[in-house]
Amino acid sequence: MADNKIQMPSSGGGIVRYYDDSQSKIHISPVAVVVMAAVIAIFEIALFYFYG
């Protein structure tokens, strides 16, 4: 009767964990990224308007 056990897969199977052990030396805030993207977009629109 003990041979008819159903085994469920482990709950952590396939889950990848990323730890914050390594710190990057470059830290950019999300606000700075949005501002830089907006500046680049405006610059490209201006280039297209004046030289396109």
Protein backbone atom coordinates (compact mmCIF):
# COMPACT_ATOMS: atom_id res chain seq x y z
CA MET A 1 0.00 0.00 0.00
CA ALA A 2 2.97 2.33 0.57
CA ASP A 3 3.98 1.87 -3.08
CA ASN A 4 0.93 3.79 -4.34
CA LYS A 5 2.06 7.20 -3.04
CA ILE A 6 1.69 10.17 -5.35
CA GLN A 7 4.61 12.57 -5.17
CA MET A 8 4.04 16.20 -5.99
CA PRO A 9 6.83 18.27 -7.56
CA SER A 10 8.83 20.45 -5.19
CA SER A 11 7.45 23.93 -4.73
CA GLY A 12 10.74 25.62 -5.71
CA GLY A 13 11.20 23.81 -9.00
CA GLY A 14 12.05 26.11 -11.88
CA ILE A 15 12.22 29.26 -9.79
CA VAL A 16 15.41 31.26 -10.26
CA ARG A 17 16.51 33.48 -7.41
CA TYR A 18 18.68 36.51 -7.99
CA TYR A 19 20.46 37.85 -4.95
CA ASP A 20 21.71 41.38 -4.44
CA ASP A 21 25.19 40.26 -3.46
CA SER A 22 26.91 42.20 -6.23
CA GLN A 23 26.33 45.94 -6.28
CA SER A 24 26.72 47.95 -9.45
CA LYS A 25 28.97 51.01 -9.32
CA ILE A 26 26.60 52.97 -11.55
CA HIS A 27 23.33 54.06 -9.98
CA ILE A 28 20.81 55.92 -12.13
CA SER A 29 17.44 56.89 -10.72
CA PRO A 30 14.30 56.08 -12.72
CA VAL A 31 13.49 59.79 -12.97
CA ALA A 32 16.86 60.46 -14.61
CA VAL A 33 16.24 57.70 -17.16
CA VAL A 34 12.84 59.14 -18.08
CA VAL A 35 14.28 62.66 -18.38
CA MET A 36 17.16 61.46 -20.57
CA ALA A 37 14.74 59.56 -22.82
CA ALA A 38 12.56 62.66 -23.16
CA VAL A 39 15.57 64.86 -23.99
CA ILE A 40 16.77 62.41 -26.65
CA ALA A 41 13.26 62.20 -28.16
CA ILE A 42 12.98 66.01 -28.30
CA PHE A 43 16.46 66.23 -29.84
CA GLU A 44 15.52 63.72 -32.54
CA ILE A 45 12.26 65.54 -33.30
CA ALA A 46 14.19 68.83 -33.60
CA LEU A 47 16.71 67.21 -35.96
CA PHE A 48 13.94 65.84 -38.11
CA TYR A 49 12.17 69.22 -38.15
CA PHE A 50 15.24 71.26 -39.09
CA TYR A 51 17.11 68.79 -41.34
CA GLY A 52 14.40 66.38 -42.45
